[in-house]
């Protein structure tokens, strides 16, 4: 089974579990479930998975909050980008939603998502892209002009374009989706003997959950800290890259101010 076939099976398991017994039309909770599993560190993912199964739903929500808080403290430039995905988690959610969140995470674990996102295979597929595509109906995908590039085609396109890679090079996808072309470029960069974390990455999409998924994927795929993403219609915002850079700069400044205040309060 290829990584993409495995990712599609995991996405199916998450989708079926989330929609079983309910027609609640929201995608943020199941996407955040898969993303939470994506953020489990490979070196302790198996022990964390065992602990998750043993925790009551409310206790697991606290665990998930702690995991996300830890990641976002380390990567404050992603806070505003993942907000549409995880806001519900920090907003005193109803008990039934917390229960279904844990069930969905367990479905991802039972479908062995960790064999993908908890290993080096995480570079080889877009688990969140598979899931978001499945969660959205074909009609919704067409009406929003959302067309996800097949992974093999993305890799071929990246290999054709990137005949040479230089340190600090900038890569941009103005219709980034969940980051498939960025992932392919990162793979080609590794083949050239470079680290994707040494590059600069720009991306834009009109779907806030797609941008949130790309932000998480930037961590999963090791794209580094220079990831600048924009949520909106780039056709009506010709300066979107500048706006995204400015927004990221403001978020980082606020994070530094908060860190300084916390440090002073501890003196």
C-alpha atoms as a PDB file:
ATOM      1  CA  UNK A   1       0.000   0.000   0.000  1.00  0.00           C
ATOM      2  CA  UNK A   2       1.369   3.431  -0.930  1.00  0.00           C
ATOM      3  CA  UNK A   3       1.393   6.289   1.603  1.00  0.00           C
ATOM      4  CA  UNK A   4      -1.371   8.034  -0.327  1.00  0.00           C
ATOM      5  CA  UNK A   5      -3.528   4.899  -0.334  1.00  0.00           C
ATOM      6  CA  UNK A   6      -2.961   4.566   3.403  1.00  0.00           C
ATOM      7  CA  UNK A   7      -3.799   8.255   3.936  1.00  0.00           C
ATOM      8  CA  UNK A   8      -7.013   7.798   1.977  1.00  0.00           C
ATOM      9  CA  UNK A   9      -7.997   4.859   4.204  1.00  0.00           C
ATOM     10  CA  UNK A  10      -7.300   6.897   7.339  1.00  0.00           C
ATOM     11  CA  UNK A  11      -9.362   9.765   5.945  1.00  0.00           C
ATOM     12  CA  UNK A  12     -12.243   7.381   5.236  1.00  0.00           C
ATOM     13  CA  UNK A  13     -12.128   6.032   8.795  1.00  0.00           C
ATOM     14  CA  UNK A  14     -12.152   9.549  10.269  1.00  0.00           C
ATOM     15  CA  UNK A  15     -14.955  10.692   7.963  1.00  0.00           C
ATOM     16  CA  UNK A  16     -17.143   7.664   8.712  1.00  0.00           C
ATOM     17  CA  UNK A  17     -16.609   7.928  12.465  1.00  0.00           C
ATOM     18  CA  UNK A  18     -17.315  11.643  12.540  1.00  0.00           C
ATOM     19  CA  UNK A  19     -20.526  11.333  10.527  1.00  0.00           C
ATOM     20  CA  UNK A  20     -21.824   8.167  12.170  1.00  0.00           C
ATOM     21  CA  UNK A  21     -25.082   8.951  13.953  1.00  0.00           C
ATOM     22  CA  UNK A  22     -24.860  12.658  13.189  1.00  0.00           C
ATOM     23  CA  UNK A  23     -25.293  15.040  10.289  1.00  0.00           C
ATOM     24  CA  UNK A  24     -23.567  17.987  11.975  1.00  0.00           C
ATOM     25  CA  UNK A  25     -22.213  20.015   9.017  1.00  0.00           C
ATOM     26  CA  UNK A  26     -18.833  21.063  10.365  1.00  0.00           C
ATOM     27  CA  UNK A  27     -15.336  20.162   9.298  1.00  0.00           C
ATOM     28  CA  UNK A  28     -13.201  21.895  11.911  1.00  0.00           C
ATOM     29  CA  UNK A  29     -13.566  19.153  14.544  1.00  0.00           C
ATOM     30  CA  UNK A  30     -12.630  16.116  12.396  1.00  0.00           C
ATOM     31  CA  UNK A  31      -9.799  18.069  10.736  1.00  0.00           C
ATOM     32  CA  UNK A  32      -8.486  19.093  14.154  1.00  0.00           C
ATOM     33  CA  UNK A  33      -8.686  15.443  15.243  1.00  0.00           C
ATOM     34  CA  UNK A  34      -6.400  14.329  12.409  1.00  0.00           C
ATOM     35  CA  UNK A  35      -4.161  17.355  12.945  1.00  0.00           C
ATOM     36  CA  UNK A  36      -3.818  16.531  16.646  1.00  0.00           C
ATOM     37  CA  UNK A  37      -2.527  13.077  15.716  1.00  0.00           C
ATOM     38  CA  UNK A  38      -0.210  14.723  13.162  1.00  0.00           C
ATOM     39  CA  UNK A  39       1.379  16.756  15.947  1.00  0.00           C
ATOM     40  CA  UNK A  40       2.289  13.747  18.110  1.00  0.00           C
ATOM     41  CA  UNK A  41       6.071  13.574  18.131  1.00  0.00           C
ATOM     42  CA  UNK A  42       7.423  10.418  16.468  1.00  0.00           C
ATOM     43  CA  UNK A  43       9.613   9.541  19.447  1.00  0.00           C
ATOM     44  CA  UNK A  44       6.702   9.345  21.888  1.00  0.00           C
ATOM     45  CA  UNK A  45       3.731   8.895  19.562  1.00  0.00           C
ATOM     46  CA  UNK A  46       3.069   5.258  20.478  1.00  0.00           C
ATOM     47  CA  UNK A  47       2.996   5.918  24.237  1.00  0.00           C
ATOM     48  CA  UNK A  48       0.796   8.961  23.674  1.00  0.00           C
ATOM     49  CA  UNK A  49      -1.603   6.904  21.557  1.00  0.00           C
ATOM     50  CA  UNK A  50      -1.931   4.332  24.354  1.00  0.00           C
ATOM     51  CA  UNK A  51      -2.589   7.102  26.882  1.00  0.00           C
ATOM     52  CA  UNK A  52      -5.213   8.676  24.625  1.00  0.00           C
ATOM     53  CA  UNK A  53      -7.215   5.458  24.432  1.00  0.00           C
ATOM     54  CA  UNK A  54      -7.181   5.197  28.225  1.00  0.00           C
ATOM     55  CA  UNK A  55      -8.252   8.783  28.934  1.00  0.00           C
ATOM     56  CA  UNK A  56     -11.854   9.916  29.410  1.00  0.00           C
ATOM     57  CA  UNK A  57     -12.950  12.402  26.762  1.00  0.00           C
ATOM     58  CA  UNK A  58     -12.721  15.468  29.023  1.00  0.00           C
ATOM     59  CA  UNK A  59      -9.209  14.542  30.147  1.00  0.00           C
ATOM     60  CA  UNK A  60      -8.168  13.974  26.551  1.00  0.00           C
ATOM     61  CA  UNK A  61      -9.436  17.435  25.601  1.00  0.00           C
ATOM     62  CA  UNK A  62      -7.026  18.859  28.195  1.00  0.00           C
ATOM     63  CA  UNK A  63      -4.237  16.753  26.693  1.00  0.00           C
ATOM     64  CA  UNK A  64      -5.066  18.022  23.207  1.00  0.00           C
ATOM     65  CA  UNK A  65      -5.140  21.628  24.406  1.00  0.00           C
ATOM     66  CA  UNK A  66      -1.747  21.184  26.039  1.00  0.00           C
ATOM     67  CA  UNK A  67      -0.306  19.657  22.857  1.00  0.00           C
ATOM     68  CA  UNK A  68      -1.567  22.499  20.676  1.00  0.00           C
ATOM     69  CA  UNK A  69      -0.442  25.132  23.182  1.00  0.00           C
ATOM     70  CA  UNK A  70       3.059  23.634  23.261  1.00  0.00           C
ATOM     71  CA  UNK A  71       3.328  23.578  19.467  1.00  0.00           C
ATOM     72  CA  UNK A  72       2.023  27.131  19.084  1.00  0.00           C
ATOM     73  CA  UNK A  73       4.322  28.469  21.780  1.00  0.00           C
ATOM     74  CA  UNK A  74       7.181  27.055  19.739  1.00  0.00           C
ATOM     75  CA  UNK A  75       5.669  28.295  16.454  1.00  0.00           C
ATOM     76  CA  UNK A  76       3.755  31.509  17.297  1.00  0.00           C
ATOM     77  CA  UNK A  77       3.721  32.575  13.661  1.00  0.00           C
ATOM     78  CA  UNK A  78       1.077  29.902  13.018  1.00  0.00           C
ATOM     79  CA  UNK A  79      -1.373  30.954  15.751  1.00  0.00           C
ATOM     80  CA  UNK A  80      -3.661  33.081  13.581  1.00  0.00           C
ATOM     81  CA  UNK A  81      -3.536  30.528  10.777  1.00  0.00           C
ATOM     82  CA  UNK A  82      -4.689  27.466  12.753  1.00  0.00           C
ATOM     83  CA  UNK A  83      -7.328  29.421  14.688  1.00  0.00           C
ATOM     84  CA  UNK A  84     -10.232  28.346  12.415  1.00  0.00           C
ATOM     85  CA  UNK A  85      -9.294  24.705  13.047  1.00  0.00           C
ATOM     86  CA  UNK A  86      -8.764  24.690  16.808  1.00  0.00           C
ATOM     87  CA  UNK A  87     -10.797  27.613  18.132  1.00  0.00           C
ATOM     88  CA  UNK A  88     -13.667  25.289  19.116  1.00  0.00           C
ATOM     89  CA  UNK A  89     -11.289  23.323  21.346  1.00  0.00           C
ATOM     90  CA  UNK A  90     -10.554  26.314  23.581  1.00  0.00           C
ATOM     91  CA  UNK A  91     -14.105  27.674  23.559  1.00  0.00           C
ATOM     92  CA  UNK A  92     -15.777  25.528  26.265  1.00  0.00           C
ATOM     93  CA  UNK A  93     -17.200  22.947  23.809  1.00  0.00           C
ATOM     94  CA  UNK A  94     -20.289  20.884  24.597  1.00  0.00           C
ATOM     95  CA  UNK A  95     -19.693  17.445  26.109  1.00  0.00           C
ATOM     96  CA  UNK A  96     -21.087  15.600  23.073  1.00  0.00           C
ATOM     97  CA  UNK A  97     -18.631  17.425  20.812  1.00  0.00           C
ATOM     98  CA  UNK A  98     -15.716  16.492  23.067  1.00  0.00           C
ATOM     99  CA  UNK A  99     -16.861  12.846  23.035  1.00  0.00           C
ATOM    100  CA  UNK A 100     -17.038  12.795  19.247  1.00  0.00           C
ATOM    101  CA  UNK A 101     -13.668  14.505  18.967  1.00  0.00           C
ATOM    102  CA  UNK A 102     -12.037  11.760  21.012  1.00  0.00           C
ATOM    103  CA  UNK A 103     -13.857   9.055  19.021  1.00  0.00           C
ATOM    104  CA  UNK A 104     -12.557  10.610  15.817  1.00  0.00           C
ATOM    105  CA  UNK A 105      -8.984  10.772  17.115  1.00  0.00           C
ATOM    106  CA  UNK A 106      -9.254   7.115  18.147  1.00  0.00           C
ATOM    107  CA  UNK A 107     -10.499   6.250  14.644  1.00  0.00           C
ATOM    108  CA  UNK A 108      -7.391   7.896  13.191  1.00  0.00           C
ATOM    109  CA  UNK A 109      -5.171   5.944  15.589  1.00  0.00           C
ATOM    110  CA  UNK A 110      -6.991   2.654  14.919  1.00  0.00           C
ATOM    111  CA  UNK A 111      -6.541   3.226  11.178  1.00  0.00           C
ATOM    112  CA  UNK A 112      -2.801   3.567  11.926  1.00  0.00           C
ATOM    113  CA  UNK A 113      -2.362   7.203  11.001  1.00  0.00           C
ATOM    114  CA  UNK A 114       0.794   7.136  13.129  1.00  0.00           C
ATOM    115  CA  UNK A 115       2.423   4.827  10.551  1.00  0.00           C
ATOM    116  CA  UNK A 116       2.278   7.874   8.283  1.00  0.00           C
ATOM    117  CA  UNK A 117       2.467  11.042  10.348  1.00  0.00           C
ATOM    118  CA  UNK A 118       4.484   9.467  13.179  1.00  0.00           C
ATOM    119  CA  UNK A 119       7.316   8.305  10.901  1.00  0.00           C
ATOM    120  CA  UNK A 120       9.389   9.646   8.015  1.00  0.00           C
ATOM    121  CA  UNK A 121       6.460   8.710   5.786  1.00  0.00           C
ATOM    122  CA  UNK A 122       4.953  12.032   6.908  1.00  0.00           C
ATOM    123  CA  UNK A 123       6.976  13.635   4.088  1.00  0.00           C
ATOM    124  CA  UNK A 124       5.344  11.365   1.513  1.00  0.00           C
ATOM    125  CA  UNK A 125       1.675  12.268   1.776  1.00  0.00           C
ATOM    126  CA  UNK A 126      -0.840  14.927   2.777  1.00  0.00           C
ATOM    127  CA  UNK A 127      -3.078  13.314   5.381  1.00  0.00           C
ATOM    128  CA  UNK A 128      -5.026  16.510   6.041  1.00  0.00           C
ATOM    129  CA  UNK A 129      -5.525  17.127   2.343  1.00  0.00           C
ATOM    130  CA  UNK A 130      -7.000  13.661   1.876  1.00  0.00           C
ATOM    131  CA  UNK A 131      -9.342  14.237   4.800  1.00  0.00           C
ATOM    132  CA  UNK A 132     -10.487  17.730   3.827  1.00  0.00           C
ATOM    133  CA  UNK A 133     -11.185  16.546   0.291  1.00  0.00           C
ATOM    134  CA  UNK A 134     -13.267  13.674   1.622  1.00  0.00           C
ATOM    135  CA  UNK A 135     -15.191  15.829   4.094  1.00  0.00           C
ATOM    136  CA  UNK A 136     -16.247  18.266   1.411  1.00  0.00           C
ATOM    137  CA  UNK A 137     -18.844  17.205  -1.092  1.00  0.00           C
ATOM    138  CA  UNK A 138     -17.981  17.228  -4.791  1.00  0.00           C
ATOM    139  CA  UNK A 139     -20.487  20.035  -5.266  1.00  0.00           C
ATOM    140  CA  UNK A 140     -18.818  22.131  -2.581  1.00  0.00           C
ATOM    141  CA  UNK A 141     -15.394  21.500  -4.065  1.00  0.00           C
ATOM    142  CA  UNK A 142     -16.560  22.613  -7.504  1.00  0.00           C
ATOM    143  CA  UNK A 143     -18.466  25.654  -6.263  1.00  0.00           C
ATOM    144  CA  UNK A 144     -15.425  26.929  -4.363  1.00  0.00           C
ATOM    145  CA  UNK A 145     -13.069  26.158  -7.262  1.00  0.00           C
ATOM    146  CA  UNK A 146     -11.082  23.872  -5.004  1.00  0.00           C
ATOM    147  CA  UNK A 147      -9.116  21.369  -7.047  1.00  0.00           C
ATOM    148  CA  UNK A 148      -6.423  19.426  -5.243  1.00  0.00           C
ATOM    149  CA  UNK A 149      -3.355  18.532  -7.289  1.00  0.00           C
ATOM    150  CA  UNK A 150      -2.663  14.762  -7.347  1.00  0.00           C
ATOM    151  CA  UNK A 151       0.527  14.074  -5.331  1.00  0.00           C
ATOM    152  CA  UNK A 152       2.357  12.288  -8.169  1.00  0.00           C
ATOM    153  CA  UNK A 153       1.616  15.157 -10.558  1.00  0.00           C
ATOM    154  CA  UNK A 154       2.750  17.697  -7.952  1.00  0.00           C
ATOM    155  CA  UNK A 155       6.050  15.854  -7.499  1.00  0.00           C
ATOM    156  CA  UNK A 156       6.683  15.670 -11.245  1.00  0.00           C
ATOM    157  CA  UNK A 157       5.863  19.375 -11.640  1.00  0.00           C
ATOM    158  CA  UNK A 158       8.196  20.315  -8.785  1.00  0.00           C
ATOM    159  CA  UNK A 159      11.013  18.184 -10.182  1.00  0.00           C
ATOM    160  CA  UNK A 160      10.661  19.799 -13.618  1.00  0.00           C
ATOM    161  CA  UNK A 161      10.704  23.335 -12.243  1.00  0.00           C
ATOM    162  CA  UNK A 162      13.361  22.922  -9.554  1.00  0.00           C
ATOM    163  CA  UNK A 163      16.373  21.966 -11.613  1.00  0.00           C
ATOM    164  CA  UNK A 164      18.481  24.026  -9.204  1.00  0.00           C
ATOM    165  CA  UNK A 165      17.967  24.832  -5.514  1.00  0.00           C
ATOM    166  CA  UNK A 166      19.696  27.592  -3.560  1.00  0.00           C
ATOM    167  CA  UNK A 167      19.827  28.302   0.167  1.00  0.00           C
ATOM    168  CA  UNK A 168      17.111  30.735   1.228  1.00  0.00           C
ATOM    169  CA  UNK A 169      15.146  30.332  -1.988  1.00  0.00           C
ATOM    170  CA  UNK A 170      11.517  31.473  -1.957  1.00  0.00           C
ATOM    171  CA  UNK A 171       8.660  29.207  -3.040  1.00  0.00           C
ATOM    172  CA  UNK A 172       5.138  30.458  -3.640  1.00  0.00           C
ATOM    173  CA  UNK A 173       1.789  28.836  -4.412  1.00  0.00           C
ATOM    174  CA  UNK A 174      -1.087  31.357  -4.669  1.00  0.00           C
ATOM    175  CA  UNK A 175      -3.648  28.515  -4.711  1.00  0.00           C
ATOM    176  CA  UNK A 176      -1.999  26.429  -2.035  1.00  0.00           C
ATOM    177  CA  UNK A 177      -4.934  24.278  -0.862  1.00  0.00           C
ATOM    178  CA  UNK A 178      -3.495  22.154   1.940  1.00  0.00           C
ATOM    179  CA  UNK A 179       0.050  22.563   0.647  1.00  0.00           C
ATOM    180  CA  UNK A 180       0.473  19.688  -1.806  1.00  0.00           C
ATOM    181  CA  UNK A 181       2.797  21.567  -4.162  1.00  0.00           C
ATOM    182  CA  UNK A 182       4.849  22.864  -1.226  1.00  0.00           C
ATOM    183  CA  UNK A 183       5.262  19.286   0.014  1.00  0.00           C
ATOM    184  CA  UNK A 184       6.408  18.168  -3.425  1.00  0.00           C
ATOM    185  CA  UNK A 185       8.893  21.049  -3.621  1.00  0.00           C
ATOM    186  CA  UNK A 186      10.229  20.114  -0.171  1.00  0.00           C
ATOM    187  CA  UNK A 187      10.788  16.551  -1.376  1.00  0.00           C
ATOM    188  CA  UNK A 188      12.748  17.753  -4.384  1.00  0.00           C
ATOM    189  CA  UNK A 189      14.754  20.101  -2.137  1.00  0.00           C
ATOM    190  CA  UNK A 190      15.752  17.142   0.044  1.00  0.00           C
ATOM    191  CA  UNK A 191      16.834  15.227  -3.048  1.00  0.00           C
ATOM    192  CA  UNK A 192      19.131  18.135  -3.872  1.00  0.00           C
ATOM    193  CA  UNK A 193      20.717  17.753  -0.433  1.00  0.00           C
ATOM    194  CA  UNK A 194      19.138  20.846   1.119  1.00  0.00           C
ATOM    195  CA  UNK A 195      16.873  21.350   4.126  1.00  0.00           C
ATOM    196  CA  UNK A 196      13.384  22.761   3.362  1.00  0.00           C
ATOM    197  CA  UNK A 197      13.576  24.618   6.693  1.00  0.00           C
ATOM    198  CA  UNK A 198      16.249  26.854   5.123  1.00  0.00           C
ATOM    199  CA  UNK A 199      13.785  28.112   2.489  1.00  0.00           C
ATOM    200  CA  UNK A 200      10.966  30.677   2.497  1.00  0.00           C
ATOM    201  CA  UNK A 201       7.432  29.484   1.804  1.00  0.00           C
ATOM    202  CA  UNK A 202       4.431  31.556   0.673  1.00  0.00           C
ATOM    203  CA  UNK A 203       0.921  30.249   0.076  1.00  0.00           C
ATOM    204  CA  UNK A 204      -2.644  31.507  -0.205  1.00  0.00           C
ATOM    205  CA  UNK A 205      -6.103  29.998  -0.331  1.00  0.00           C
ATOM    206  CA  UNK A 206      -9.658  31.208   0.102  1.00  0.00           C
ATOM    207  CA  UNK A 207     -10.559  28.343   2.476  1.00  0.00           C
ATOM    208  CA  UNK A 208      -9.530  29.034   6.107  1.00  0.00           C
ATOM    209  CA  UNK A 209      -9.471  25.321   6.960  1.00  0.00           C
ATOM    210  CA  UNK A 210      -7.198  24.617   4.007  1.00  0.00           C
ATOM    211  CA  UNK A 211      -4.827  27.335   5.213  1.00  0.00           C
ATOM    212  CA  UNK A 212      -4.990  25.919   8.746  1.00  0.00           C
ATOM    213  CA  UNK A 213      -4.146  22.476   7.342  1.00  0.00           C
ATOM    214  CA  UNK A 214      -1.216  23.930   5.400  1.00  0.00           C
ATOM    215  CA  UNK A 215       0.049  25.574   8.591  1.00  0.00           C
ATOM    216  CA  UNK A 216      -0.025  22.220  10.406  1.00  0.00           C
ATOM    217  CA  UNK A 217       1.509  20.495   7.404  1.00  0.00           C
ATOM    218  CA  UNK A 218       4.373  22.976   7.444  1.00  0.00           C
ATOM    219  CA  UNK A 219       5.292  21.515  10.846  1.00  0.00           C
ATOM    220  CA  UNK A 220       4.718  17.900   9.765  1.00  0.00           C
ATOM    221  CA  UNK A 221       6.801  18.347   6.600  1.00  0.00           C
ATOM    222  CA  UNK A 222       9.618  20.295   8.276  1.00  0.00           C
ATOM    223  CA  UNK A 223       9.230  23.455   6.196  1.00  0.00           C
ATOM    224  CA  UNK A 224      10.752  25.571   8.968  1.00  0.00           C
ATOM    225  CA  UNK A 225       9.731  28.892  10.467  1.00  0.00           C
ATOM    226  CA  UNK A 226       9.644  31.034   7.327  1.00  0.00           C
ATOM    227  CA  UNK A 227       6.118  30.024   6.339  1.00  0.00           C
ATOM    228  CA  UNK A 228       3.879  32.934   5.325  1.00  0.00           C
ATOM    229  CA  UNK A 229       0.264  32.091   4.505  1.00  0.00           C
ATOM    230  CA  UNK A 230      -2.687  34.208   3.448  1.00  0.00           C
ATOM    231  CA  UNK A 231      -6.389  33.393   3.671  1.00  0.00           C
ATOM    232  CA  UNK A 232      -8.459  35.227   1.096  1.00  0.00           C
ATOM    233  CA  UNK A 233      -9.116  35.816  -2.579  1.00  0.00           C
ATOM    234  CA  UNK A 234      -5.774  36.621  -4.176  1.00  0.00           C
ATOM    235  CA  UNK A 235      -7.527  37.928  -7.308  1.00  0.00           C
ATOM    236  CA  UNK A 236      -8.923  40.831  -5.291  1.00  0.00           C
ATOM    237  CA  UNK A 237      -5.777  41.229  -3.160  1.00  0.00           C
ATOM    238  CA  UNK A 238      -2.761  41.695  -5.445  1.00  0.00           C
ATOM    239  CA  UNK A 239      -0.592  42.532  -2.420  1.00  0.00           C
ATOM    240  CA  UNK A 240      -1.606  39.412  -0.504  1.00  0.00           C
ATOM    241  CA  UNK A 241       1.977  38.279   0.094  1.00  0.00           C
ATOM    242  CA  UNK A 242       2.861  41.608   1.699  1.00  0.00           C
ATOM    243  CA  UNK A 243      -0.323  41.496   3.807  1.00  0.00           C
ATOM    244  CA  UNK A 244       0.454  37.943   4.939  1.00  0.00           C
ATOM    245  CA  UNK A 245       4.015  38.907   5.868  1.00  0.00           C
ATOM    246  CA  UNK A 246       2.723  41.910   7.829  1.00  0.00           C
ATOM    247  CA  UNK A 247       0.137  39.809   9.686  1.00  0.00           C
ATOM    248  CA  UNK A 248       2.772  37.241  10.611  1.00  0.00           C
ATOM    249  CA  UNK A 249       5.118  39.997  11.823  1.00  0.00           C
ATOM    250  CA  UNK A 250       2.364  41.455  14.029  1.00  0.00           C
ATOM    251  CA  UNK A 251       1.543  38.053  15.531  1.00  0.00           C
ATOM    252  CA  UNK A 252       5.203  37.400  16.290  1.00  0.00           C
ATOM    253  CA  UNK A 253       5.533  40.834  17.918  1.00  0.00           C
ATOM    254  CA  UNK A 254       2.514  40.165  20.142  1.00  0.00           C
ATOM    255  CA  UNK A 255       3.949  36.765  21.079  1.00  0.00           C
ATOM    256  CA  UNK A 256       7.257  38.374  22.058  1.00  0.00           C
ATOM    257  CA  UNK A 257       5.451  40.999  24.141  1.00  0.00           C
ATOM    258  CA  UNK A 258       3.462  38.319  25.972  1.00  0.00           C
ATOM    259  CA  UNK A 259       6.613  36.303  26.600  1.00  0.00           C
ATOM    260  CA  UNK A 260       8.348  39.386  28.001  1.00  0.00           C
ATOM    261  CA  UNK A 261       5.402  40.138  30.300  1.00  0.00           C
ATOM    262  CA  UNK A 262       5.335  36.552  31.557  1.00  0.00           C
ATOM    263  CA  UNK A 263       9.076  36.694  32.222  1.00  0.00           C
ATOM    264  CA  UNK A 264       8.740  39.933  34.207  1.00  0.00           C
ATOM    265  CA  UNK A 265       5.868  38.490  36.244  1.00  0.00           C
ATOM    266  CA  UNK A 266       8.088  35.604  37.289  1.00  0.00           C
ATOM    267  CA  UNK A 267      10.821  37.877  38.687  1.00  0.00           C
END
